[in-house]
All heavy atoms as atom14 arrays in JSON, in Angstrom:
{
  "sequence": "MGVLNVANLAPEVERYDPVKSYDKVNHAFGWVPWEPLVKG",
  "atom14_mask": [
    [1, 1, 1, 1, 1, 1, 1, 1, 0, 0, 0, 0, 0, 0],
    [1, 1, 1, 1, 0, 0, 0, 0, 0, 0, 0, 0, 0, 0],
    [1, 1, 1, 1, 1, 1, 1, 0, 0, 0, 0, 0, 0, 0],
    [1, 1, 1, 1, 1, 1, 1, 1, 0, 0, 0, 0, 0, 0],
    [1, 1, 1, 1, 1, 1, 1, 1, 0, 0, 0, 0, 0, 0],
    [1, 1, 1, 1, 1, 1, 1, 0, 0, 0, 0, 0, 0, 0],
    [1, 1, 1, 1, 1, 0, 0, 0, 0, 0, 0, 0, 0, 0],
    [1, 1, 1, 1, 1, 1, 1, 1, 0, 0, 0, 0, 0, 0],
    [1, 1, 1, 1, 1, 1, 1, 1, 0, 0, 0, 0, 0, 0],
    [1, 1, 1, 1, 1, 0, 0, 0, 0, 0, 0, 0, 0, 0],
    [1, 1, 1, 1, 1, 1, 1, 0, 0, 0, 0, 0, 0, 0],
    [1, 1, 1, 1, 1, 1, 1, 1, 1, 0, 0, 0, 0, 0],
    [1, 1, 1, 1, 1, 1, 1, 0, 0, 0, 0, 0, 0, 0],
    [1, 1, 1, 1, 1, 1, 1, 1, 1, 0, 0, 0, 0, 0],
    [1, 1, 1, 1, 1, 1, 1, 1, 1, 1, 1, 0, 0, 0],
    [1, 1, 1, 1, 1, 1, 1, 1, 1, 1, 1, 1, 0, 0],
    [1, 1, 1, 1, 1, 1, 1, 1, 0, 0, 0, 0, 0, 0],
    [1, 1, 1, 1, 1, 1, 1, 0, 0, 0, 0, 0, 0, 0],
    [1, 1, 1, 1, 1, 1, 1, 0, 0, 0, 0, 0, 0, 0],
    [1, 1, 1, 1, 1, 1, 1, 1, 1, 0, 0, 0, 0, 0],
    [1, 1, 1, 1, 1, 1, 0, 0, 0, 0, 0, 0, 0, 0],
    [1, 1, 1, 1, 1, 1, 1, 1, 1, 1, 1, 1, 0, 0],
    [1, 1, 1, 1, 1, 1, 1, 1, 0, 0, 0, 0, 0, 0],
    [1, 1, 1, 1, 1, 1, 1, 1, 1, 0, 0, 0, 0, 0],
    [1, 1, 1, 1, 1, 1, 1, 0, 0, 0, 0, 0, 0, 0],
    [1, 1, 1, 1, 1, 1, 1, 1, 0, 0, 0, 0, 0, 0],
    [1, 1, 1, 1, 1, 1, 1, 1, 1, 1, 0, 0, 0, 0],
    [1, 1, 1, 1, 1, 0, 0, 0, 0, 0, 0, 0, 0, 0],
    [1, 1, 1, 1, 1, 1, 1, 1, 1, 1, 1, 0, 0, 0],
    [1, 1, 1, 1, 0, 0, 0, 0, 0, 0, 0, 0, 0, 0],
    [1, 1, 1, 1, 1, 1, 1, 1, 1, 1, 1, 1, 1, 1],
    [1, 1, 1, 1, 1, 1, 1, 0, 0, 0, 0, 0, 0, 0],
    [1, 1, 1, 1, 1, 1, 1, 0, 0, 0, 0, 0, 0, 0],
    [1, 1, 1, 1, 1, 1, 1, 1, 1, 1, 1, 1, 1, 1],
    [1, 1, 1, 1, 1, 1, 1, 1, 1, 0, 0, 0, 0, 0],
    [1, 1, 1, 1, 1, 1, 1, 0, 0, 0, 0, 0, 0, 0],
    [1, 1, 1, 1, 1, 1, 1, 1, 0, 0, 0, 0, 0, 0],
    [1, 1, 1, 1, 1, 1, 1, 0, 0, 0, 0, 0, 0, 0],
    [1, 1, 1, 1, 1, 1, 1, 1, 1, 0, 0, 0, 0, 0],
    [1, 1, 1, 1, 0, 0, 0, 0, 0, 0, 0, 0, 0, 0]
  ],
  "atom14_positions": [
    [[-9.11, 19.38, 19.21], [-8.27, 18.26, 19.51], [-7.59, 17.78, 18.29], [-6.61, 16.89, 18.51], [-9.07, 17.26, 20.2], [-9.71, 17.51, 21.51], [-10.28, 16.02, 22.34], [-11.48, 15.54, 21.1], [0.0, 0.0, 0.0], [0.0, 0.0, 0.0], [0.0, 0.0, 0.0], [0.0, 0.0, 0.0], [0.0, 0.0, 0.0], [0.0, 0.0, 0.0]],
    [[-8.01, 18.09, 17.19], [-7.47, 17.62, 15.77], [-7.89, 16.21, 15.36], [-7.34, 15.42, 14.62], [0.0, 0.0, 0.0], [0.0, 0.0, 0.0], [0.0, 0.0, 0.0], [0.0, 0.0, 0.0], [0.0, 0.0, 0.0], [0.0, 0.0, 0.0], [0.0, 0.0, 0.0], [0.0, 0.0, 0.0], [0.0, 0.0, 0.0], [0.0, 0.0, 0.0]],
    [[-9.14, 15.79, 15.84], [-9.69, 14.47, 15.53], [-11.04, 14.66, 14.64], [-11.77, 13.67, 14.54], [-9.89, 13.7, 16.75], [-8.71, 13.34, 17.46], [-10.99, 14.37, 17.68], [0.0, 0.0, 0.0], [0.0, 0.0, 0.0], [0.0, 0.0, 0.0], [0.0, 0.0, 0.0], [0.0, 0.0, 0.0], [0.0, 0.0, 0.0], [0.0, 0.0, 0.0]],
    [[-11.33, 15.87, 14.16], [-12.48, 16.1, 13.33], [-12.05, 15.71, 11.91], [-11.69, 16.65, 11.09], [-12.99, 17.51, 13.48], [-14.32, 17.76, 12.75], [-15.47, 17.19, 13.6], [-14.54, 19.28, 12.65], [0.0, 0.0, 0.0], [0.0, 0.0, 0.0], [0.0, 0.0, 0.0], [0.0, 0.0, 0.0], [0.0, 0.0, 0.0], [0.0, 0.0, 0.0]],
    [[-12.13, 14.49, 11.62], [-11.61, 14.07, 10.26], [-12.68, 13.02, 9.74], [-13.55, 12.56, 10.34], [-10.32, 13.35, 10.33], [-10.23, 12.32, 11.48], [-10.98, 11.3, 11.41], [-9.31, 12.43, 12.47], [0.0, 0.0, 0.0], [0.0, 0.0, 0.0], [0.0, 0.0, 0.0], [0.0, 0.0, 0.0], [0.0, 0.0, 0.0], [0.0, 0.0, 0.0]],
    [[-12.51, 12.77, 8.4], [-13.41, 11.92, 7.65], [-13.38, 10.48, 8.13], [-14.43, 9.83, 7.97], [-13.29, 12.08, 6.17], [-11.9, 11.36, 5.79], [-14.41, 11.58, 5.34], [0.0, 0.0, 0.0], [0.0, 0.0, 0.0], [0.0, 0.0, 0.0], [0.0, 0.0, 0.0], [0.0, 0.0, 0.0], [0.0, 0.0, 0.0], [0.0, 0.0, 0.0]],
    [[-12.22, 10.18, 8.74], [-12.19, 8.79, 9.19], [-13.07, 8.5, 10.38], [-13.63, 7.41, 10.51], [-10.73, 8.39, 9.62], [0.0, 0.0, 0.0], [0.0, 0.0, 0.0], [0.0, 0.0, 0.0], [0.0, 0.0, 0.0], [0.0, 0.0, 0.0], [0.0, 0.0, 0.0], [0.0, 0.0, 0.0], [0.0, 0.0, 0.0], [0.0, 0.0, 0.0]],
    [[-13.31, 9.55, 11.16], [-14.17, 9.39, 12.34], [-15.68, 9.74, 11.9], [-16.58, 9.13, 12.55], [-13.72, 10.33, 13.42], [-12.51, 9.82, 14.12], [-12.12, 8.63, 14.14], [-11.64, 10.79, 14.52], [0.0, 0.0, 0.0], [0.0, 0.0, 0.0], [0.0, 0.0, 0.0], [0.0, 0.0, 0.0], [0.0, 0.0, 0.0], [0.0, 0.0, 0.0]],
    [[-15.8, 10.52, 11.01], [-17.17, 11.06, 10.75], [-17.85, 10.28, 9.57], [-19.04, 10.11, 9.56], [-17.15, 12.49, 10.34], [-16.67, 13.43, 11.41], [-16.53, 14.88, 11.0], [-17.47, 13.35, 12.68], [0.0, 0.0, 0.0], [0.0, 0.0, 0.0], [0.0, 0.0, 0.0], [0.0, 0.0, 0.0], [0.0, 0.0, 0.0], [0.0, 0.0, 0.0]],
    [[-17.06, 9.76, 8.6], [-17.56, 9.05, 7.46], [-16.71, 8.08, 7.08], [-15.88, 8.16, 6.0], [-17.92, 10.01, 6.23], [0.0, 0.0, 0.0], [0.0, 0.0, 0.0], [0.0, 0.0, 0.0], [0.0, 0.0, 0.0], [0.0, 0.0, 0.0], [0.0, 0.0, 0.0], [0.0, 0.0, 0.0], [0.0, 0.0, 0.0], [0.0, 0.0, 0.0]],
    [[-16.36, 7.0, 7.83], [-15.34, 5.99, 7.62], [-15.35, 5.28, 6.28], [-14.4, 4.66, 5.88], [-15.42, 5.02, 8.91], [-16.82, 5.22, 9.32], [-17.16, 6.62, 8.99], [0.0, 0.0, 0.0], [0.0, 0.0, 0.0], [0.0, 0.0, 0.0], [0.0, 0.0, 0.0], [0.0, 0.0, 0.0], [0.0, 0.0, 0.0], [0.0, 0.0, 0.0]],
    [[-16.55, 5.3, 5.73], [-16.69, 4.55, 4.53], [-16.15, 5.3, 3.24], [-16.09, 4.75, 2.18], [-18.15, 4.2, 4.21], [-19.12, 5.29, 3.86], [-19.46, 6.18, 4.99], [-19.04, 5.78, 6.14], [-20.17, 7.2, 4.76], [0.0, 0.0, 0.0], [0.0, 0.0, 0.0], [0.0, 0.0, 0.0], [0.0, 0.0, 0.0], [0.0, 0.0, 0.0]],
    [[-15.78, 6.61, 3.45], [-15.35, 7.44, 2.33], [-13.78, 7.07, 2.1], [-13.0, 6.83, 2.98], [-15.59, 8.86, 2.6], [-14.89, 9.74, 1.47], [-16.99, 9.14, 2.76], [0.0, 0.0, 0.0], [0.0, 0.0, 0.0], [0.0, 0.0, 0.0], [0.0, 0.0, 0.0], [0.0, 0.0, 0.0], [0.0, 0.0, 0.0], [0.0, 0.0, 0.0]],
    [[-13.56, 6.91, 0.86], [-12.13, 6.73, 0.41], [-11.35, 8.07, 0.72], [-11.7, 9.14, 0.27], [-11.93, 6.4, -1.11], [-10.6, 6.12, -1.43], [-10.42, 5.79, -2.98], [-11.48, 5.73, -3.67], [-9.33, 5.56, -3.5], [0.0, 0.0, 0.0], [0.0, 0.0, 0.0], [0.0, 0.0, 0.0], [0.0, 0.0, 0.0], [0.0, 0.0, 0.0]],
    [[-10.28, 7.95, 1.54], [-9.58, 9.18, 2.06], [-8.39, 9.43, 1.19], [-7.81, 8.61, 0.45], [-9.07, 8.85, 3.34], [-10.27, 8.62, 4.44], [-9.68, 8.65, 5.85], [-8.99, 7.33, 6.13], [-9.61, 6.23, 6.43], [-10.98, 6.21, 6.48], [-9.01, 5.2, 6.73], [0.0, 0.0, 0.0], [0.0, 0.0, 0.0], [0.0, 0.0, 0.0]],
    [[-8.23, 10.62, 0.98], [-6.97, 11.16, 0.34], [-5.82, 11.03, 1.13], [-5.71, 11.47, 2.24], [-7.19, 12.75, 0.0], [-6.1, 13.32, -0.82], [-5.88, 13.13, -2.19], [-5.15, 14.11, -0.14], [-4.88, 13.71, -2.85], [-3.99, 14.62, -0.76], [-3.97, 14.41, -2.1], [-2.76, 14.96, -2.77], [0.0, 0.0, 0.0], [0.0, 0.0, 0.0]],
    [[-4.84, 10.36, 0.54], [-3.56, 10.13, 1.21], [-2.41, 10.94, 0.59], [-1.86, 10.64, -0.63], [-3.27, 8.58, 1.17], [-2.07, 8.2, 1.97], [-1.44, 9.09, 2.54], [-1.71, 7.0, 1.94], [0.0, 0.0, 0.0], [0.0, 0.0, 0.0], [0.0, 0.0, 0.0], [0.0, 0.0, 0.0], [0.0, 0.0, 0.0], [0.0, 0.0, 0.0]],
    [[-1.91, 12.01, 1.27], [-0.88, 12.78, 0.7], [0.52, 12.07, 0.61], [1.35, 12.52, -0.21], [-0.75, 13.93, 1.7], [-1.34, 13.48, 2.94], [-2.37, 12.49, 2.55], [0.0, 0.0, 0.0], [0.0, 0.0, 0.0], [0.0, 0.0, 0.0], [0.0, 0.0, 0.0], [0.0, 0.0, 0.0], [0.0, 0.0, 0.0], [0.0, 0.0, 0.0]],
    [[0.61, 10.91, 1.31], [1.82, 10.17, 1.19], [1.92, 9.5, -0.14], [3.09, 9.4, -0.69], [1.9, 9.14, 2.41], [3.14, 8.29, 2.29], [1.77, 9.82, 3.75], [0.0, 0.0, 0.0], [0.0, 0.0, 0.0], [0.0, 0.0, 0.0], [0.0, 0.0, 0.0], [0.0, 0.0, 0.0], [0.0, 0.0, 0.0], [0.0, 0.0, 0.0]],
    [[0.82, 9.06, -0.71], [0.94, 8.34, -1.89], [1.45, 9.32, -3.18], [2.29, 8.94, -3.93], [-0.51, 7.87, -2.31], [-0.9, 6.55, -1.62], [-2.29, 6.2, -2.18], [-2.68, 4.95, -1.25], [-3.98, 4.4, -1.71], [0.0, 0.0, 0.0], [0.0, 0.0, 0.0], [0.0, 0.0, 0.0], [0.0, 0.0, 0.0], [0.0, 0.0, 0.0]],
    [[0.97, 10.51, -3.0], [1.48, 11.58, -3.99], [2.88, 11.94, -3.78], [3.61, 11.91, -4.59], [0.46, 12.93, -3.81], [1.03, 13.87, -4.64], [0.0, 0.0, 0.0], [0.0, 0.0, 0.0], [0.0, 0.0, 0.0], [0.0, 0.0, 0.0], [0.0, 0.0, 0.0], [0.0, 0.0, 0.0], [0.0, 0.0, 0.0], [0.0, 0.0, 0.0]],
    [[3.29, 11.99, -2.47], [4.7, 12.19, -2.28], [5.54, 11.05, -2.61], [6.55, 11.34, -3.39], [4.82, 12.33, -0.72], [6.26, 12.47, -0.25], [7.03, 13.69, -0.24], [6.87, 11.34, 0.31], [8.26, 13.76, 0.08], [8.2, 11.48, 0.71], [8.87, 12.7, 0.69], [10.18, 12.75, 1.1], [0.0, 0.0, 0.0], [0.0, 0.0, 0.0]],
    [[5.15, 9.94, -2.43], [5.99, 8.77, -2.97], [6.1, 8.52, -4.4], [7.08, 8.13, -4.95], [5.35, 7.32, -2.34], [5.57, 7.27, -0.88], [6.45, 7.84, -0.24], [4.75, 6.47, -0.18], [0.0, 0.0, 0.0], [0.0, 0.0, 0.0], [0.0, 0.0, 0.0], [0.0, 0.0, 0.0], [0.0, 0.0, 0.0], [0.0, 0.0, 0.0]],
    [[5.05, 9.1, -5.08], [4.97, 8.96, -6.55], [6.08, 9.91, -7.06], [6.77, 9.49, -8.04], [3.58, 9.28, -7.01], [3.44, 9.42, -8.61], [2.04, 9.66, -9.03], [1.88, 9.71, -10.46], [0.55, 10.05, -10.91], [0.0, 0.0, 0.0], [0.0, 0.0, 0.0], [0.0, 0.0, 0.0], [0.0, 0.0, 0.0], [0.0, 0.0, 0.0]],
    [[6.14, 11.16, -6.66], [7.13, 12.01, -7.21], [8.59, 11.82, -6.65], [9.5, 11.91, -7.26], [6.76, 13.56, -6.94], [5.4, 13.81, -7.74], [6.56, 13.77, -5.49], [0.0, 0.0, 0.0], [0.0, 0.0, 0.0], [0.0, 0.0, 0.0], [0.0, 0.0, 0.0], [0.0, 0.0, 0.0], [0.0, 0.0, 0.0], [0.0, 0.0, 0.0]],
    [[8.57, 11.37, -5.4], [9.9, 11.14, -4.67], [10.56, 9.92, -5.3], [11.84, 9.96, -5.29], [9.67, 10.8, -3.21], [10.96, 10.92, -2.28], [11.83, 11.84, -2.67], [11.14, 10.14, -1.5], [0.0, 0.0, 0.0], [0.0, 0.0, 0.0], [0.0, 0.0, 0.0], [0.0, 0.0, 0.0], [0.0, 0.0, 0.0], [0.0, 0.0, 0.0]],
    [[9.92, 8.99, -5.91], [10.53, 7.85, -6.49], [10.55, 7.92, -8.03], [10.7, 6.96, -8.69], [9.88, 6.56, -6.05], [9.87, 6.23, -4.62], [9.02, 5.58, -3.89], [10.78, 6.64, -3.6], [9.18, 5.63, -2.67], [10.43, 6.27, -2.44], [0.0, 0.0, 0.0], [0.0, 0.0, 0.0], [0.0, 0.0, 0.0], [0.0, 0.0, 0.0]],
    [[10.32, 9.06, -8.44], [10.37, 9.28, -9.98], [11.73, 9.19, -10.5], [12.81, 9.15, -9.79], [9.77, 10.62, -10.4], [0.0, 0.0, 0.0], [0.0, 0.0, 0.0], [0.0, 0.0, 0.0], [0.0, 0.0, 0.0], [0.0, 0.0, 0.0], [0.0, 0.0, 0.0], [0.0, 0.0, 0.0], [0.0, 0.0, 0.0], [0.0, 0.0, 0.0]],
    [[11.9, 9.22, -11.88], [13.22, 8.95, -12.45], [14.19, 10.1, -12.02], [13.85, 11.31, -11.92], [13.02, 9.02, -13.87], [14.43, 8.97, -14.6], [14.97, 7.8, -14.86], [14.95, 10.22, -15.23], [16.28, 7.8, -15.53], [16.25, 10.11, -15.86], [16.76, 8.96, -15.99], [0.0, 0.0, 0.0], [0.0, 0.0, 0.0], [0.0, 0.0, 0.0]],
    [[15.41, 9.85, -11.77], [16.36, 10.76, -11.23], [17.41, 10.14, -10.34], [18.46, 10.73, -10.17], [0.0, 0.0, 0.0], [0.0, 0.0, 0.0], [0.0, 0.0, 0.0], [0.0, 0.0, 0.0], [0.0, 0.0, 0.0], [0.0, 0.0, 0.0], [0.0, 0.0, 0.0], [0.0, 0.0, 0.0], [0.0, 0.0, 0.0], [0.0, 0.0, 0.0]],
    [[17.15, 9.01, -9.81], [17.92, 8.46, -8.85], [19.23, 7.83, -9.57], [19.08, 7.34, -10.58], [17.22, 7.4, -7.96], [18.15, 6.71, -6.96], [18.31, 7.15, -5.72], [18.77, 5.45, -7.05], [19.16, 6.26, -5.07], [19.51, 5.22, -5.89], [19.05, 4.6, -8.12], [20.24, 4.1, -5.65], [19.86, 3.36, -7.96], [20.34, 3.26, -6.66]],
    [[20.42, 7.88, -8.94], [21.57, 7.26, -9.45], [22.16, 6.45, -8.41], [21.95, 6.63, -7.21], [22.59, 8.42, -9.9], [22.04, 9.08, -11.17], [22.92, 9.3, -8.82], [0.0, 0.0, 0.0], [0.0, 0.0, 0.0], [0.0, 0.0, 0.0], [0.0, 0.0, 0.0], [0.0, 0.0, 0.0], [0.0, 0.0, 0.0], [0.0, 0.0, 0.0]],
    [[22.86, 5.34, -8.69], [23.34, 4.34, -7.8], [24.37, 4.96, -6.65], [24.42, 4.42, -5.55], [24.19, 3.25, -8.63], [23.62, 3.52, -9.98], [23.17, 4.93, -10.21], [0.0, 0.0, 0.0], [0.0, 0.0, 0.0], [0.0, 0.0, 0.0], [0.0, 0.0, 0.0], [0.0, 0.0, 0.0], [0.0, 0.0, 0.0], [0.0, 0.0, 0.0]],
    [[25.1, 6.04, -7.08], [26.05, 6.47, -6.16], [25.47, 7.66, -5.29], [26.15, 8.25, -4.62], [27.19, 7.11, -6.86], [27.04, 8.04, -7.94], [26.94, 9.49, -7.75], [26.76, 7.73, -9.24], [26.69, 10.06, -9.0], [26.56, 9.03, -9.99], [26.82, 6.61, -10.17], [26.37, 9.19, -11.32], [26.59, 6.77, -11.57], [26.3, 8.03, -12.07]],
    [[24.16, 7.91, -5.44], [23.53, 9.03, -4.67], [23.74, 8.86, -3.14], [24.04, 9.79, -2.44], [22.06, 9.18, -5.0], [21.35, 10.26, -4.24], [19.95, 10.42, -4.79], [19.53, 10.18, -5.98], [19.03, 10.89, -3.94], [0.0, 0.0, 0.0], [0.0, 0.0, 0.0], [0.0, 0.0, 0.0], [0.0, 0.0, 0.0], [0.0, 0.0, 0.0]],
    [[23.44, 7.66, -2.57], [23.56, 7.49, -1.11], [25.07, 7.75, -0.65], [25.27, 8.34, 0.5], [23.22, 5.94, -0.87], [22.34, 5.59, -1.97], [22.83, 6.38, -3.23], [0.0, 0.0, 0.0], [0.0, 0.0, 0.0], [0.0, 0.0, 0.0], [0.0, 0.0, 0.0], [0.0, 0.0, 0.0], [0.0, 0.0, 0.0], [0.0, 0.0, 0.0]],
    [[26.02, 7.47, -1.47], [27.42, 7.66, -1.02], [27.68, 9.27, -1.14], [28.24, 9.74, -0.19], [28.38, 7.03, -2.22], [29.88, 7.29, -2.02], [30.31, 6.8, -0.64], [30.67, 6.6, -3.12], [0.0, 0.0, 0.0], [0.0, 0.0, 0.0], [0.0, 0.0, 0.0], [0.0, 0.0, 0.0], [0.0, 0.0, 0.0], [0.0, 0.0, 0.0]],
    [[27.11, 10.01, -2.11], [27.32, 11.42, -2.12], [26.58, 11.98, -0.96], [27.24, 12.93, -0.32], [26.77, 11.97, -3.49], [26.95, 13.41, -3.42], [27.52, 11.41, -4.64], [0.0, 0.0, 0.0], [0.0, 0.0, 0.0], [0.0, 0.0, 0.0], [0.0, 0.0, 0.0], [0.0, 0.0, 0.0], [0.0, 0.0, 0.0], [0.0, 0.0, 0.0]],
    [[25.37, 11.49, -0.52], [24.82, 12.06, 0.67], [25.64, 11.84, 1.87], [25.75, 12.81, 2.74], [23.43, 11.34, 0.76], [22.39, 11.76, -0.27], [21.06, 11.09, 0.03], [20.02, 11.44, -0.92], [18.7, 10.8, -0.74], [0.0, 0.0, 0.0], [0.0, 0.0, 0.0], [0.0, 0.0, 0.0], [0.0, 0.0, 0.0], [0.0, 0.0, 0.0]],
    [[26.23, 10.69, 2.05], [27.04, 10.36, 3.23], [28.18, 11.23, 3.25], [28.56, 11.77, 4.27], [0.0, 0.0, 0.0], [0.0, 0.0, 0.0], [0.0, 0.0, 0.0], [0.0, 0.0, 0.0], [0.0, 0.0, 0.0], [0.0, 0.0, 0.0], [0.0, 0.0, 0.0], [0.0, 0.0, 0.0], [0.0, 0.0, 0.0], [0.0, 0.0, 0.0]]
  ]
}
């Protein structure tokens, strides 16, 4: 079913969050002010 996870089996354990790692590199240096305009 896809629910065999540490949140259900050991809720007190600090869980690894892949979103945090993604946000860390995704917001790293390299953005420029005109980037949204170029994307559009």
